[in-house]
Amino acid sequence: LTDENNSMTIPFYRALKRDERGACTVRLMLESVHSFLVDPLPSWKVHADAMSAEKVAKVTRAIQVHREMNEDRLHVIEQYASKVLHKEFFQWPFRWRDEWLPPP
């Protein structure tokens, strides 16, 4: 679900969360990336009922292909997770810790 340069697409950037100043902070960017990884379409503020059946099918196929690739990657991550120095980065369910980032 990235473009030909492996970059995030325009819907991701349009849906980025911003603070009261209208700025996108590191914390908000990380939250947006996390939301995208959990469920891409809602994170983009895209609603399947507003899309054509053809477009829904195309996006669904793309998500399935990415899901299969990510299952392979998850296997590698799980192997690595048993060897890491900071296991809290791999806890499930994942939880942001305030001490990881400067205060907002």
N, C-alpha and C. Protein backbone atom coordinates (compact mmCIF):
# COMPACT_ATOMS: atom_id res chain seq x y z
N LEU A 1 0.81 -1.19 0.00
CA LEU A 1 0.00 0.00 0.00
C LEU A 1 0.86 1.26 0.00
N THR A 2 1.99 1.13 -0.66
CA THR A 2 2.88 2.27 -0.85
C THR A 2 2.98 2.54 -2.34
N ASP A 3 3.58 3.67 -2.70
CA ASP A 3 3.71 3.99 -4.12
C ASP A 3 4.92 3.29 -4.73
N GLU A 4 5.21 3.60 -5.98
CA GLU A 4 6.31 2.92 -6.70
C GLU A 4 7.68 3.19 -6.10
N ASN A 5 7.78 4.22 -5.25
CA ASN A 5 9.05 4.51 -4.56
C ASN A 5 9.07 3.95 -3.14
N ASN A 6 8.08 3.10 -2.83
CA ASN A 6 7.91 2.53 -1.49
C ASN A 6 7.66 3.61 -0.44
N SER A 7 7.03 4.69 -0.84
CA SER A 7 6.66 5.77 0.06
C SER A 7 5.17 5.68 0.37
N MET A 8 4.77 6.32 1.45
CA MET A 8 3.36 6.36 1.79
C MET A 8 2.64 7.18 0.71
N THR A 9 1.37 6.87 0.48
CA THR A 9 0.61 7.57 -0.55
C THR A 9 -0.09 8.81 0.02
N ILE A 10 -0.62 9.62 -0.87
CA ILE A 10 -1.26 10.88 -0.49
C ILE A 10 -2.35 10.70 0.58
N PRO A 11 -3.22 9.67 0.51
CA PRO A 11 -4.25 9.55 1.56
C PRO A 11 -3.65 9.47 2.98
N PHE A 12 -2.50 8.84 3.11
CA PHE A 12 -1.85 8.76 4.42
C PHE A 12 -1.51 10.16 4.92
N TYR A 13 -0.90 10.96 4.07
CA TYR A 13 -0.48 12.30 4.48
C TYR A 13 -1.67 13.22 4.74
N ARG A 14 -2.73 13.06 3.97
CA ARG A 14 -3.93 13.88 4.19
C ARG A 14 -4.57 13.58 5.54
N ALA A 15 -4.47 12.33 5.98
CA ALA A 15 -5.13 11.92 7.22
C ALA A 15 -4.25 12.06 8.46
N LEU A 16 -3.03 12.56 8.30
CA LEU A 16 -2.12 12.68 9.45
C LEU A 16 -2.76 13.51 10.57
N LYS A 17 -2.57 13.02 11.78
CA LYS A 17 -3.04 13.76 12.95
C LYS A 17 -2.12 14.95 13.18
N ARG A 18 -2.70 16.04 13.65
CA ARG A 18 -1.92 17.25 13.94
C ARG A 18 -2.29 17.76 15.32
N ASP A 19 -1.35 18.46 15.93
CA ASP A 19 -1.61 19.01 17.26
C ASP A 19 -2.36 20.34 17.13
N GLU A 20 -2.54 21.01 18.27
CA GLU A 20 -3.31 22.26 18.29
C GLU A 20 -2.67 23.37 17.47
N ARG A 21 -1.38 23.24 17.16
CA ARG A 21 -0.68 24.23 16.32
C ARG A 21 -0.78 23.89 14.84
N GLY A 22 -1.35 22.70 14.54
CA GLY A 22 -1.41 22.24 13.16
C GLY A 22 -0.14 21.52 12.75
N ALA A 23 0.71 21.21 13.72
CA ALA A 23 1.99 20.54 13.44
C ALA A 23 1.85 19.03 13.58
N CYS A 24 2.58 18.32 12.77
CA CYS A 24 2.64 16.86 12.87
C CYS A 24 3.92 16.52 13.64
N THR A 25 3.77 16.08 14.86
CA THR A 25 4.92 15.78 15.71
C THR A 25 5.40 14.34 15.48
N VAL A 26 6.55 14.03 16.02
CA VAL A 26 7.06 12.65 15.92
C VAL A 26 6.06 11.69 16.55
N ARG A 27 5.55 12.04 17.72
CA ARG A 27 4.57 11.18 18.41
C ARG A 27 3.34 10.95 17.52
N LEU A 28 2.80 12.02 16.93
CA LEU A 28 1.61 11.87 16.09
C LEU A 28 1.92 11.10 14.82
N MET A 29 3.12 11.28 14.26
CA MET A 29 3.51 10.51 13.07
C MET A 29 3.57 9.03 13.41
N LEU A 30 4.18 8.70 14.55
CA LEU A 30 4.27 7.30 14.96
C LEU A 30 2.89 6.70 15.19
N GLU A 31 2.00 7.47 15.80
CA GLU A 31 0.63 7.00 16.00
C GLU A 31 -0.06 6.77 14.66
N SER A 32 0.16 7.65 13.69
CA SER A 32 -0.45 7.49 12.37
C SER A 32 0.09 6.25 11.65
N VAL A 33 1.38 6.03 11.75
CA VAL A 33 1.97 4.84 11.13
C VAL A 33 1.41 3.59 11.79
N HIS A 34 1.32 3.61 13.11
CA HIS A 34 0.77 2.45 13.84
C HIS A 34 -0.67 2.19 13.41
N SER A 35 -1.48 3.23 13.35
CA SER A 35 -2.88 3.07 12.91
C SER A 35 -2.96 2.50 11.51
N PHE A 36 -2.08 2.98 10.63
CA PHE A 36 -2.04 2.47 9.25
C PHE A 36 -1.71 0.98 9.24
N LEU A 37 -0.75 0.58 10.03
CA LEU A 37 -0.35 -0.82 10.05
C LEU A 37 -1.44 -1.71 10.63
N VAL A 38 -2.22 -1.19 11.57
CA VAL A 38 -3.31 -1.97 12.17
C VAL A 38 -4.46 -2.13 11.18
N ASP A 39 -4.86 -1.03 10.54
CA ASP A 39 -5.99 -1.08 9.61
C ASP A 39 -5.88 0.09 8.64
N PRO A 40 -5.33 -0.15 7.44
CA PRO A 40 -5.00 0.95 6.52
C PRO A 40 -6.16 1.85 6.11
N LEU A 41 -7.27 1.29 5.70
CA LEU A 41 -8.33 2.15 5.15
C LEU A 41 -8.90 3.13 6.17
N PRO A 42 -9.30 2.69 7.36
CA PRO A 42 -9.79 3.68 8.32
C PRO A 42 -8.74 4.71 8.70
N SER A 43 -7.46 4.31 8.71
CA SER A 43 -6.41 5.27 9.05
C SER A 43 -6.30 6.36 7.99
N TRP A 44 -6.73 6.05 6.77
CA TRP A 44 -6.74 7.03 5.68
C TRP A 44 -8.05 7.80 5.62
N LYS A 45 -8.98 7.45 6.52
CA LYS A 45 -10.33 8.02 6.51
C LYS A 45 -11.05 7.66 5.20
N VAL A 46 -10.80 6.44 4.73
CA VAL A 46 -11.44 5.92 3.53
C VAL A 46 -12.50 4.92 3.98
N HIS A 47 -13.69 5.05 3.46
CA HIS A 47 -14.79 4.17 3.83
C HIS A 47 -15.15 3.31 2.62
N ALA A 48 -15.11 1.99 2.81
CA ALA A 48 -15.37 1.06 1.71
C ALA A 48 -16.73 1.28 1.06
N ASP A 49 -17.73 1.71 1.85
CA ASP A 49 -19.07 1.90 1.28
C ASP A 49 -19.13 3.08 0.31
N ALA A 50 -18.10 3.93 0.33
CA ALA A 50 -18.05 5.07 -0.60
C ALA A 50 -17.26 4.75 -1.86
N MET A 51 -16.76 3.51 -1.98
CA MET A 51 -15.94 3.10 -3.12
C MET A 51 -16.74 2.18 -4.04
N SER A 52 -16.35 2.14 -5.30
CA SER A 52 -16.99 1.22 -6.24
C SER A 52 -16.60 -0.20 -5.87
N ALA A 53 -17.41 -1.16 -6.31
CA ALA A 53 -17.13 -2.57 -6.02
C ALA A 53 -15.78 -2.98 -6.61
N GLU A 54 -15.46 -2.47 -7.78
CA GLU A 54 -14.18 -2.78 -8.43
C GLU A 54 -13.00 -2.26 -7.60
N LYS A 55 -13.14 -1.04 -7.10
CA LYS A 55 -12.08 -0.44 -6.29
C LYS A 55 -11.92 -1.19 -4.97
N VAL A 56 -13.03 -1.56 -4.34
CA VAL A 56 -12.98 -2.33 -3.10
C VAL A 56 -12.26 -3.65 -3.33
N ALA A 57 -12.59 -4.33 -4.44
CA ALA A 57 -11.94 -5.62 -4.75
C ALA A 57 -10.44 -5.44 -4.96
N LYS A 58 -10.06 -4.39 -5.67
CA LYS A 58 -8.64 -4.12 -5.93
C LYS A 58 -7.88 -3.85 -4.63
N VAL A 59 -8.45 -3.02 -3.78
CA VAL A 59 -7.81 -2.70 -2.51
C VAL A 59 -7.75 -3.94 -1.61
N THR A 60 -8.82 -4.71 -1.60
CA THR A 60 -8.86 -5.93 -0.79
C THR A 60 -7.78 -6.91 -1.23
N ARG A 61 -7.60 -7.05 -2.55
CA ARG A 61 -6.53 -7.93 -3.06
C ARG A 61 -5.15 -7.42 -2.65
N ALA A 62 -4.94 -6.12 -2.75
CA ALA A 62 -3.65 -5.54 -2.37
C ALA A 62 -3.38 -5.77 -0.89
N ILE A 63 -4.39 -5.58 -0.06
CA ILE A 63 -4.22 -5.80 1.38
C ILE A 63 -3.90 -7.27 1.65
N GLN A 64 -4.55 -8.18 0.95
CA GLN A 64 -4.28 -9.61 1.15
C GLN A 64 -2.85 -9.96 0.76
N VAL A 65 -2.37 -9.43 -0.35
CA VAL A 65 -0.98 -9.69 -0.78
C VAL A 65 -0.01 -9.17 0.27
N HIS A 66 -0.26 -7.97 0.76
CA HIS A 66 0.61 -7.40 1.79
C HIS A 66 0.52 -8.20 3.08
N ARG A 67 -0.67 -8.69 3.42
CA ARG A 67 -0.84 -9.49 4.63
C ARG A 67 0.01 -10.75 4.55
N GLU A 68 0.02 -11.40 3.39
CA GLU A 68 0.81 -12.62 3.22
C GLU A 68 2.31 -12.33 3.34
N MET A 69 2.76 -11.22 2.74
CA MET A 69 4.17 -10.85 2.86
C MET A 69 4.52 -10.54 4.31
N ASN A 70 3.60 -9.88 5.00
CA ASN A 70 3.87 -9.53 6.38
C ASN A 70 3.88 -10.73 7.31
N GLU A 71 3.16 -11.78 6.96
CA GLU A 71 3.22 -13.00 7.76
C GLU A 71 4.63 -13.58 7.72
N ASP A 72 5.26 -13.53 6.55
CA ASP A 72 6.65 -13.98 6.44
C ASP A 72 7.56 -13.09 7.28
N ARG A 73 7.35 -11.80 7.20
CA ARG A 73 8.17 -10.87 7.97
C ARG A 73 7.97 -11.07 9.47
N LEU A 74 6.73 -11.34 9.87
CA LEU A 74 6.43 -11.55 11.28
C LEU A 74 7.21 -12.75 11.83
N HIS A 75 7.36 -13.77 11.02
CA HIS A 75 8.14 -14.93 11.44
C HIS A 75 9.57 -14.51 11.79
N VAL A 76 10.17 -13.68 10.96
CA VAL A 76 11.53 -13.18 11.22
C VAL A 76 11.54 -12.32 12.48
N ILE A 77 10.54 -11.46 12.63
CA ILE A 77 10.46 -10.59 13.81
C ILE A 77 10.35 -11.43 15.08
N GLU A 78 9.54 -12.47 15.04
CA GLU A 78 9.38 -13.33 16.21
C GLU A 78 10.69 -13.99 16.59
N GLN A 79 11.46 -14.40 15.60
CA GLN A 79 12.76 -14.99 15.89
C GLN A 79 13.69 -13.95 16.52
N TYR A 80 13.67 -12.75 15.99
CA TYR A 80 14.50 -11.67 16.51
C TYR A 80 14.06 -11.27 17.92
N ALA A 81 12.76 -11.26 18.16
CA ALA A 81 12.21 -10.80 19.43
C ALA A 81 12.75 -11.59 20.61
N SER A 82 13.08 -12.83 20.41
CA SER A 82 13.61 -13.64 21.51
C SER A 82 15.04 -13.24 21.87
N LYS A 83 15.69 -12.43 21.04
CA LYS A 83 17.09 -12.05 21.25
C LYS A 83 17.30 -10.58 21.56
N VAL A 84 16.23 -9.81 21.62
CA VAL A 84 16.37 -8.36 21.74
C VAL A 84 16.78 -7.91 23.13
N LEU A 85 17.35 -6.74 23.18
CA LEU A 85 17.76 -6.14 24.44
C LEU A 85 16.57 -5.48 25.15
N HIS A 86 15.66 -4.86 24.38
CA HIS A 86 14.51 -4.16 24.94
C HIS A 86 13.21 -4.86 24.52
N LYS A 87 12.79 -5.83 25.30
CA LYS A 87 11.61 -6.64 24.96
C LYS A 87 10.31 -5.83 24.93
N GLU A 88 10.29 -4.67 25.60
CA GLU A 88 9.07 -3.86 25.62
C GLU A 88 8.67 -3.38 24.23
N PHE A 89 9.62 -3.32 23.28
CA PHE A 89 9.28 -2.93 21.92
C PHE A 89 8.48 -4.01 21.20
N PHE A 90 8.50 -5.22 21.75
CA PHE A 90 7.84 -6.35 21.11
C PHE A 90 6.65 -6.86 21.91
N GLN A 91 6.27 -6.17 22.97
CA GLN A 91 5.14 -6.65 23.77
C GLN A 91 3.85 -6.62 22.97
N TRP A 92 2.95 -7.51 23.30
CA TRP A 92 1.66 -7.54 22.63
C TRP A 92 0.57 -7.64 23.66
N PRO A 93 -0.45 -6.79 23.64
CA PRO A 93 -0.62 -5.73 22.65
C PRO A 93 0.40 -4.61 22.89
N PHE A 94 0.76 -3.98 21.80
CA PHE A 94 1.75 -2.91 21.86
C PHE A 94 1.21 -1.73 22.64
N ARG A 95 2.07 -1.06 23.39
CA ARG A 95 1.68 0.12 24.15
C ARG A 95 2.80 1.15 24.08
N TRP A 96 2.44 2.38 23.65
CA TRP A 96 3.41 3.48 23.66
C TRP A 96 3.76 3.80 25.09
N ARG A 97 5.00 4.12 25.33
CA ARG A 97 5.43 4.55 26.65
C ARG A 97 5.86 6.00 26.56
N ASP A 98 5.36 6.80 27.46
CA ASP A 98 5.65 8.24 27.42
C ASP A 98 7.14 8.54 27.48
N GLU A 99 7.88 7.72 28.20
CA GLU A 99 9.32 7.99 28.34
C GLU A 99 10.10 7.78 27.04
N TRP A 100 9.49 7.18 26.03
CA TRP A 100 10.19 6.96 24.75
C TRP A 100 10.31 8.25 23.95
N LEU A 101 9.42 9.18 24.17
CA LEU A 101 9.41 10.41 23.38
C LEU A 101 9.36 11.62 24.30
N PRO A 102 9.85 12.75 23.83
CA PRO A 102 9.77 13.96 24.67
C PRO A 102 8.31 14.35 24.89
N PRO A 103 8.04 15.07 25.95
CA PRO A 103 6.65 15.48 26.21
C PRO A 103 6.08 16.30 25.05
N PRO A 104 4.75 16.17 24.84
CA PRO A 104 4.14 16.93 23.72
C PRO A 104 4.21 18.43 23.94
